[in-house]
PDB file of N, CA and C in Angstrom:
ATOM      1  N   MET A   1      16.927 -30.955 -13.219  1.00  0.00           N
ATOM      2  CA  MET A   1      16.427 -30.565 -11.911  1.00  0.00           C
ATOM      3  C   MET A   1      16.619 -29.062 -11.749  1.00  0.00           C
ATOM      4  N   ILE A   2      15.606 -28.381 -11.316  1.00  0.00           N
ATOM      5  CA  ILE A   2      15.636 -26.928 -11.224  1.00  0.00           C
ATOM      6  C   ILE A   2      16.607 -26.423 -10.151  1.00  0.00           C
ATOM      7  N   TYR A   3      16.825 -27.188  -9.102  1.00  0.00           N
ATOM      8  CA  TYR A   3      17.689 -26.750  -8.011  1.00  0.00           C
ATOM      9  C   TYR A   3      19.168 -26.938  -8.320  1.00  0.00           C
ATOM     10  N   ARG A   4      19.458 -27.681  -9.369  1.00  0.00           N
ATOM     11  CA  ARG A   4      20.841 -27.934  -9.746  1.00  0.00           C
ATOM     12  C   ARG A   4      21.563 -26.631 -10.090  1.00  0.00           C
ATOM     13  N   LYS A   5      20.903 -25.717 -10.776  1.00  0.00           N
ATOM     14  CA  LYS A   5      21.534 -24.463 -11.150  1.00  0.00           C
ATOM     15  C   LYS A   5      21.978 -23.684  -9.922  1.00  0.00           C
ATOM     16  N   VAL A   6      21.150 -23.633  -8.908  1.00  0.00           N
ATOM     17  CA  VAL A   6      21.524 -22.940  -7.680  1.00  0.00           C
ATOM     18  C   VAL A   6      22.773 -23.588  -7.085  1.00  0.00           C
ATOM     19  N   GLY A   7      22.765 -24.901  -7.001  1.00  0.00           N
ATOM     20  CA  GLY A   7      23.921 -25.613  -6.457  1.00  0.00           C
ATOM     21  C   GLY A   7      25.178 -25.360  -7.260  1.00  0.00           C
ATOM     22  N   ASP A   8      25.043 -25.361  -8.581  1.00  0.00           N
ATOM     23  CA  ASP A   8      26.197 -25.085  -9.439  1.00  0.00           C
ATOM     24  C   ASP A   8      26.730 -23.681  -9.198  1.00  0.00           C
ATOM     25  N   GLU A   9      25.825 -22.709  -9.092  1.00  0.00           N
ATOM     26  CA  GLU A   9      26.237 -21.317  -8.876  1.00  0.00           C
ATOM     27  C   GLU A   9      26.900 -21.135  -7.512  1.00  0.00           C
ATOM     28  N   VAL A  10      26.363 -21.774  -6.503  1.00  0.00           N
ATOM     29  CA  VAL A  10      26.970 -21.696  -5.173  1.00  0.00           C
ATOM     30  C   VAL A  10      28.373 -22.307  -5.206  1.00  0.00           C
ATOM     31  N   ARG A  11      28.497 -23.470  -5.819  1.00  0.00           N
ATOM     32  CA  ARG A  11      29.790 -24.146  -5.897  1.00  0.00           C
ATOM     33  C   ARG A  11      30.811 -23.301  -6.653  1.00  0.00           C
ATOM     34  N   LEU A  12      30.396 -22.724  -7.791  1.00  0.00           N
ATOM     35  CA  LEU A  12      31.312 -21.886  -8.574  1.00  0.00           C
ATOM     36  C   LEU A  12      31.747 -20.644  -7.802  1.00  0.00           C
ATOM     37  N   ALA A  13      30.786 -19.982  -7.158  1.00  0.00           N
ATOM     38  CA  ALA A  13      31.106 -18.782  -6.384  1.00  0.00           C
ATOM     39  C   ALA A  13      32.038 -19.123  -5.216  1.00  0.00           C
ATOM     40  N   ARG A  14      31.789 -20.251  -4.596  1.00  0.00           N
ATOM     41  CA  ARG A  14      32.637 -20.697  -3.484  1.00  0.00           C
ATOM     42  C   ARG A  14      34.059 -20.974  -3.965  1.00  0.00           C
ATOM     43  N   ALA A  15      34.165 -21.663  -5.090  1.00  0.00           N
ATOM     44  CA  ALA A  15      35.482 -21.998  -5.643  1.00  0.00           C
ATOM     45  C   ALA A  15      36.244 -20.744  -6.067  1.00  0.00           C
ATOM     46  N   LYS A  16      35.550 -19.793  -6.663  1.00  0.00           N
ATOM     47  CA  LYS A  16      36.194 -18.537  -7.085  1.00  0.00           C
ATOM     48  C   LYS A  16      36.803 -17.800  -5.906  1.00  0.00           C
ATOM     49  N   ARG A  17      36.219 -17.976  -4.741  1.00  0.00           N
ATOM     50  CA  ARG A  17      36.713 -17.293  -3.546  1.00  0.00           C
ATOM     51  C   ARG A  17      37.688 -18.151  -2.736  1.00  0.00           C
ATOM     52  N   GLY A  18      37.947 -19.346  -3.253  1.00  0.00           N
ATOM     53  CA  GLY A  18      38.897 -20.231  -2.588  1.00  0.00           C
ATOM     54  C   GLY A  18      38.412 -20.759  -1.249  1.00  0.00           C
ATOM     55  N   LEU A  19      37.091 -20.890  -1.113  1.00  0.00           N
ATOM     56  CA  LEU A  19      36.527 -21.368   0.142  1.00  0.00           C
ATOM     57  C   LEU A  19      36.204 -22.859   0.058  1.00  0.00           C
ATOM     58  N   SER A  20      36.455 -23.562   1.120  1.00  0.00           N
ATOM     59  CA  SER A  20      36.018 -24.949   1.219  1.00  0.00           C
ATOM     60  C   SER A  20      34.542 -24.948   1.602  1.00  0.00           C
ATOM     61  N   GLN A  21      33.895 -26.095   1.448  1.00  0.00           N
ATOM     62  CA  GLN A  21      32.509 -26.204   1.903  1.00  0.00           C
ATOM     63  C   GLN A  21      32.432 -25.925   3.404  1.00  0.00           C
ATOM     64  N   GLU A  22      33.393 -26.419   4.136  1.00  0.00           N
ATOM     65  CA  GLU A  22      33.393 -26.232   5.582  1.00  0.00           C
ATOM     66  C   GLU A  22      33.463 -24.755   5.948  1.00  0.00           C
ATOM     67  N   LYS A  23      34.341 -24.004   5.276  1.00  0.00           N
ATOM     68  CA  LYS A  23      34.507 -22.589   5.579  1.00  0.00           C
ATOM     69  C   LYS A  23      33.257 -21.793   5.200  1.00  0.00           C
ATOM     70  N   LEU A  24      32.672 -22.074   4.023  1.00  0.00           N
ATOM     71  CA  LEU A  24      31.463 -21.372   3.623  1.00  0.00           C
ATOM     72  C   LEU A  24      30.305 -21.707   4.555  1.00  0.00           C
ATOM     73  N   ALA A  25      30.200 -22.953   4.944  1.00  0.00           N
ATOM     74  CA  ALA A  25      29.142 -23.351   5.876  1.00  0.00           C
ATOM     75  C   ALA A  25      29.296 -22.589   7.192  1.00  0.00           C
ATOM     76  N   GLU A  26      30.513 -22.499   7.676  1.00  0.00           N
ATOM     77  CA  GLU A  26      30.786 -21.772   8.918  1.00  0.00           C
ATOM     78  C   GLU A  26      30.429 -20.289   8.770  1.00  0.00           C
ATOM     79  N   LYS A  27      30.857 -19.679   7.679  1.00  0.00           N
ATOM     80  CA  LYS A  27      30.588 -18.255   7.451  1.00  0.00           C
ATOM     81  C   LYS A  27      29.104 -17.961   7.286  1.00  0.00           C
ATOM     82  N   SER A  28      28.364 -18.909   6.731  1.00  0.00           N
ATOM     83  CA  SER A  28      26.947 -18.676   6.470  1.00  0.00           C
ATOM     84  C   SER A  28      26.043 -19.195   7.592  1.00  0.00           C
ATOM     85  N   GLY A  29      26.603 -19.930   8.525  1.00  0.00           N
ATOM     86  CA  GLY A  29      25.822 -20.408   9.659  1.00  0.00           C
ATOM     87  C   GLY A  29      24.922 -21.592   9.353  1.00  0.00           C
ATOM     88  N   ILE A  30      25.290 -22.380   8.345  1.00  0.00           N
ATOM     89  CA  ILE A  30      24.543 -23.607   8.047  1.00  0.00           C
ATOM     90  C   ILE A  30      25.498 -24.784   8.162  1.00  0.00           C
ATOM     91  N   SER A  31      24.959 -25.975   8.199  1.00  0.00           N
ATOM     92  CA  SER A  31      25.829 -27.144   8.337  1.00  0.00           C
ATOM     93  C   SER A  31      26.522 -27.469   7.011  1.00  0.00           C
ATOM     94  N   THR A  32      27.661 -28.089   7.122  1.00  0.00           N
ATOM     95  CA  THR A  32      28.396 -28.517   5.931  1.00  0.00           C
ATOM     96  C   THR A  32      27.570 -29.503   5.129  1.00  0.00           C
ATOM     97  N   GLN A  33      26.858 -30.385   5.810  1.00  0.00           N
ATOM     98  CA  GLN A  33      26.021 -31.369   5.125  1.00  0.00           C
ATOM     99  C   GLN A  33      24.913 -30.675   4.326  1.00  0.00           C
ATOM    100  N   HIS A  34      24.271 -29.693   4.932  1.00  0.00           N
ATOM    101  CA  HIS A  34      23.199 -28.966   4.246  1.00  0.00           C
ATOM    102  C   HIS A  34      23.751 -28.245   3.017  1.00  0.00           C
ATOM    103  N   LEU A  35      24.891 -27.593   3.160  1.00  0.00           N
ATOM    104  CA  LEU A  35      25.518 -26.915   2.024  1.00  0.00           C
ATOM    105  C   LEU A  35      25.854 -27.912   0.926  1.00  0.00           C
ATOM    106  N   GLY A  36      26.372 -29.069   1.298  1.00  0.00           N
ATOM    107  CA  GLY A  36      26.683 -30.100   0.321  1.00  0.00           C
ATOM    108  C   GLY A  36      25.457 -30.556  -0.449  1.00  0.00           C
ATOM    109  N   PHE A  37      24.353 -30.743   0.267  1.00  0.00           N
ATOM    110  CA  PHE A  37      23.105 -31.138  -0.390  1.00  0.00           C
ATOM    111  C   PHE A  37      22.618 -30.063  -1.355  1.00  0.00           C
ATOM    112  N   ILE A  38      22.761 -28.800  -0.979  1.00  0.00           N
ATOM    113  CA  ILE A  38      22.371 -27.703  -1.871  1.00  0.00           C
ATOM    114  C   ILE A  38      23.238 -27.722  -3.123  1.00  0.00           C
ATOM    115  N   GLU A  39      24.537 -27.844  -2.947  1.00  0.00           N
ATOM    116  CA  GLU A  39      25.454 -27.858  -4.095  1.00  0.00           C
ATOM    117  C   GLU A  39      25.195 -29.044  -5.017  1.00  0.00           C
ATOM    118  N   GLN A  40      24.775 -30.154  -4.464  1.00  0.00           N
ATOM    119  CA  GLN A  40      24.486 -31.342  -5.263  1.00  0.00           C
ATOM    120  C   GLN A  40      23.092 -31.312  -5.885  1.00  0.00           C
ATOM    121  N   GLY A  41      22.296 -30.332  -5.511  1.00  0.00           N
ATOM    122  CA  GLY A  41      20.931 -30.257  -6.015  1.00  0.00           C
ATOM    123  C   GLY A  41      19.995 -31.234  -5.338  1.00  0.00           C
ATOM    124  N   ARG A  42      20.383 -31.728  -4.178  1.00  0.00           N
ATOM    125  CA  ARG A  42      19.570 -32.715  -3.456  1.00  0.00           C
ATOM    126  C   ARG A  42      18.616 -32.080  -2.458  1.00  0.00           C
ATOM    127  N   ARG A  43      18.804 -30.808  -2.175  1.00  0.00           N
ATOM    128  CA  ARG A  43      17.945 -30.132  -1.209  1.00  0.00           C
ATOM    129  C   ARG A  43      17.521 -28.784  -1.766  1.00  0.00           C
ATOM    130  N   GLU A  44      16.251 -28.462  -1.598  1.00  0.00           N
ATOM    131  CA  GLU A  44      15.720 -27.170  -2.030  1.00  0.00           C
ATOM    132  C   GLU A  44      16.095 -26.121  -0.994  1.00  0.00           C
ATOM    133  N   PRO A  45      16.890 -25.137  -1.363  1.00  0.00           N
ATOM    134  CA  PRO A  45      17.268 -24.119  -0.378  1.00  0.00           C
ATOM    135  C   PRO A  45      16.132 -23.124  -0.147  1.00  0.00           C
ATOM    136  N   GLN A  46      15.931 -22.767   1.085  1.00  0.00           N
ATOM    137  CA  GLN A  46      14.953 -21.735   1.427  1.00  0.00           C
ATOM    138  C   GLN A  46      15.583 -20.372   1.182  1.00  0.00           C
ATOM    139  N   LEU A  47      14.752 -19.364   1.017  1.00  0.00           N
ATOM    140  CA  LEU A  47      15.243 -18.015   0.754  1.00  0.00           C
ATOM    141  C   LEU A  47      16.174 -17.536   1.861  1.00  0.00           C
ATOM    142  N   LYS A  48      15.819 -17.787   3.110  1.00  0.00           N
ATOM    143  CA  LYS A  48      16.676 -17.319   4.206  1.00  0.00           C
ATOM    144  C   LYS A  48      18.047 -17.996   4.165  1.00  0.00           C
ATOM    145  N   THR A  49      18.091 -19.238   3.738  1.00  0.00           N
ATOM    146  CA  THR A  49      19.366 -19.948   3.613  1.00  0.00           C
ATOM    147  C   THR A  49      20.182 -19.361   2.465  1.00  0.00           C
ATOM    148  N   LEU A  50      19.524 -19.084   1.350  1.00  0.00           N
ATOM    149  CA  LEU A  50      20.233 -18.474   0.219  1.00  0.00           C
ATOM    150  C   LEU A  50      20.775 -17.098   0.579  1.00  0.00           C
ATOM    151  N   ARG A  51      20.031 -16.357   1.390  1.00  0.00           N
ATOM    152  CA  ARG A  51      20.522 -15.045   1.834  1.00  0.00           C
ATOM    153  C   ARG A  51      21.790 -15.192   2.658  1.00  0.00           C
ATOM    154  N   LYS A  52      21.804 -16.172   3.539  1.00  0.00           N
ATOM    155  CA  LYS A  52      22.994 -16.408   4.366  1.00  0.00           C
ATOM    156  C   LYS A  52      24.201 -16.776   3.496  1.00  0.00           C
ATOM    157  N   ILE A  53      23.963 -17.649   2.522  1.00  0.00           N
ATOM    158  CA  ILE A  53      25.044 -18.081   1.632  1.00  0.00           C
ATOM    159  C   ILE A  53      25.524 -16.911   0.778  1.00  0.00           C
ATOM    160  N   ALA A  54      24.578 -16.156   0.216  1.00  0.00           N
ATOM    161  CA  ALA A  54      24.930 -15.007  -0.618  1.00  0.00           C
ATOM    162  C   ALA A  54      25.735 -13.986   0.183  1.00  0.00           C
ATOM    163  N   ASP A  55      25.302 -13.693   1.397  1.00  0.00           N
ATOM    164  CA  ASP A  55      26.031 -12.752   2.247  1.00  0.00           C
ATOM    165  C   ASP A  55      27.449 -13.240   2.520  1.00  0.00           C
ATOM    166  N   ALA A  56      27.580 -14.521   2.819  1.00  0.00           N
ATOM    167  CA  ALA A  56      28.900 -15.090   3.107  1.00  0.00           C
ATOM    168  C   ALA A  56      29.811 -15.048   1.882  1.00  0.00           C
ATOM    169  N   LEU A  57      29.198 -15.149   0.687  1.00  0.00           N
ATOM    170  CA  LEU A  57      29.976 -15.109  -0.562  1.00  0.00           C
ATOM    171  C   LEU A  57      30.183 -13.692  -1.084  1.00  0.00           C
ATOM    172  N   GLY A  58      29.430 -12.744  -0.551  1.00  0.00           N
ATOM    173  CA  GLY A  58      29.521 -11.373  -1.026  1.00  0.00           C
ATOM    174  C   GLY A  58      28.851 -11.169  -2.373  1.00  0.00           C
ATOM    175  N   VAL A  59      27.765 -11.900  -2.620  1.00  0.00           N
ATOM    176  CA  VAL A  59      27.004 -11.777  -3.869  1.00  0.00           C
ATOM    177  C   VAL A  59      25.543 -11.514  -3.534  1.00  0.00           C
ATOM    178  N   ARG A  60      24.764 -11.184  -4.558  1.00  0.00           N
ATOM    179  CA  ARG A  60      23.323 -11.018  -4.381  1.00  0.00           C
ATOM    180  C   ARG A  60      22.650 -12.371  -4.532  1.00  0.00           C
ATOM    181  N   VAL A  61      21.527 -12.545  -3.880  1.00  0.00           N
ATOM    182  CA  VAL A  61      20.784 -13.805  -3.971  1.00  0.00           C
ATOM    183  C   VAL A  61      20.475 -14.115  -5.430  1.00  0.00           C
ATOM    184  N   LYS A  62      20.071 -13.109  -6.199  1.00  0.00           N
ATOM    185  CA  LYS A  62      19.710 -13.362  -7.593  1.00  0.00           C
ATOM    186  C   LYS A  62      20.900 -13.818  -8.437  1.00  0.00           C
ATOM    187  N   ASP A  63      22.114 -13.603  -7.965  1.00  0.00           N
ATOM    188  CA  ASP A  63      23.294 -14.086  -8.681  1.00  0.00           C
ATOM    189  C   ASP A  63      23.475 -15.594  -8.545  1.00  0.00           C
ATOM    190  N   LEU A  64      22.729 -16.202  -7.652  1.00  0.00           N
ATOM    191  CA  LEU A  64      22.857 -17.642  -7.422  1.00  0.00           C
ATOM    192  C   LEU A  64      21.912 -18.464  -8.280  1.00  0.00           C
ATOM    193  N   GLY A  65      21.220 -17.835  -9.222  1.00  0.00           N
ATOM    194  CA  GLY A  65      20.422 -18.573 -10.184  1.00  0.00           C
ATOM    195  C   GLY A  65      18.946 -18.273 -10.121  1.00  0.00           C
ATOM    196  N   ASN A  66      18.235 -18.833 -11.056  1.00  0.00           N
ATOM    197  CA  ASN A  66      16.777 -18.705 -11.123  1.00  0.00           C
ATOM    198  C   ASN A  66      16.169 -19.945 -10.498  1.00  0.00           C
ATOM    199  N   TYR A  67      15.308 -19.740  -9.542  1.00  0.00           N
ATOM    200  CA  TYR A  67      14.765 -20.854  -8.803  1.00  0.00           C
ATOM    201  C   TYR A  67      13.450 -20.431  -8.163  1.00  0.00           C
ATOM    202  N   PRO A  68      12.626 -21.382  -7.800  1.00  0.00           N
ATOM    203  CA  PRO A  68      11.423 -21.036  -7.051  1.00  0.00           C
ATOM    204  C   PRO A  68      11.803 -20.772  -5.605  1.00  0.00           C
ATOM    205  N   LEU A  69      11.317 -19.694  -5.035  1.00  0.00           N
ATOM    206  CA  LEU A  69      11.659 -19.358  -3.662  1.00  0.00           C
ATOM    207  C   LEU A  69      10.638 -19.952  -2.703  1.00  0.00           C
ATOM    208  N   THR A  70      11.149 -20.515  -1.629  1.00  0.00           N
ATOM    209  CA  THR A  70      10.262 -20.999  -0.583  1.00  0.00           C
ATOM    210  C   THR A  70      10.577 -20.189   0.672  1.00  0.00           C
ATOM    211  N   THR A  71       9.575 -19.907   1.435  1.00  0.00           N
ATOM    212  CA  THR A  71       9.776 -19.107   2.632  1.00  0.00           C
ATOM    213  C   THR A  71      10.125 -19.950   3.841  1.00  0.00           C
ATOM    214  N   GLY A  72       9.839 -21.224   3.793  1.00  0.00           N
ATOM    215  CA  GLY A  72      10.172 -22.122   4.894  1.00  0.00           C
ATOM    216  C   GLY A  72       9.532 -21.700   6.201  1.00  0.00           C
ATOM    217  N   LYS A  73       8.320 -22.053   6.377  1.00  0.00           N
ATOM    218  CA  LYS A  73       7.560 -21.614   7.552  1.00  0.00           C
ATOM    219  C   LYS A  73       8.106 -22.175   8.828  1.00  0.00           C
TER     220      LYS A  73
END
């Protein structure tokens, strides 16, 4: 699954910073459930969501993997 890499990268970056899913979700302004689905590869993250997560982690969006970007209208 193509979205699995993004989820793996988010999970690894989160773990490296010692953040729980709850704390990262809070810092990025998304729900814990949504973050969990992204990490599991069950949900396609939109670019704006990846930007929020990347900002909260202090990384660039491109550091979270290669994936098709959706704008989420």
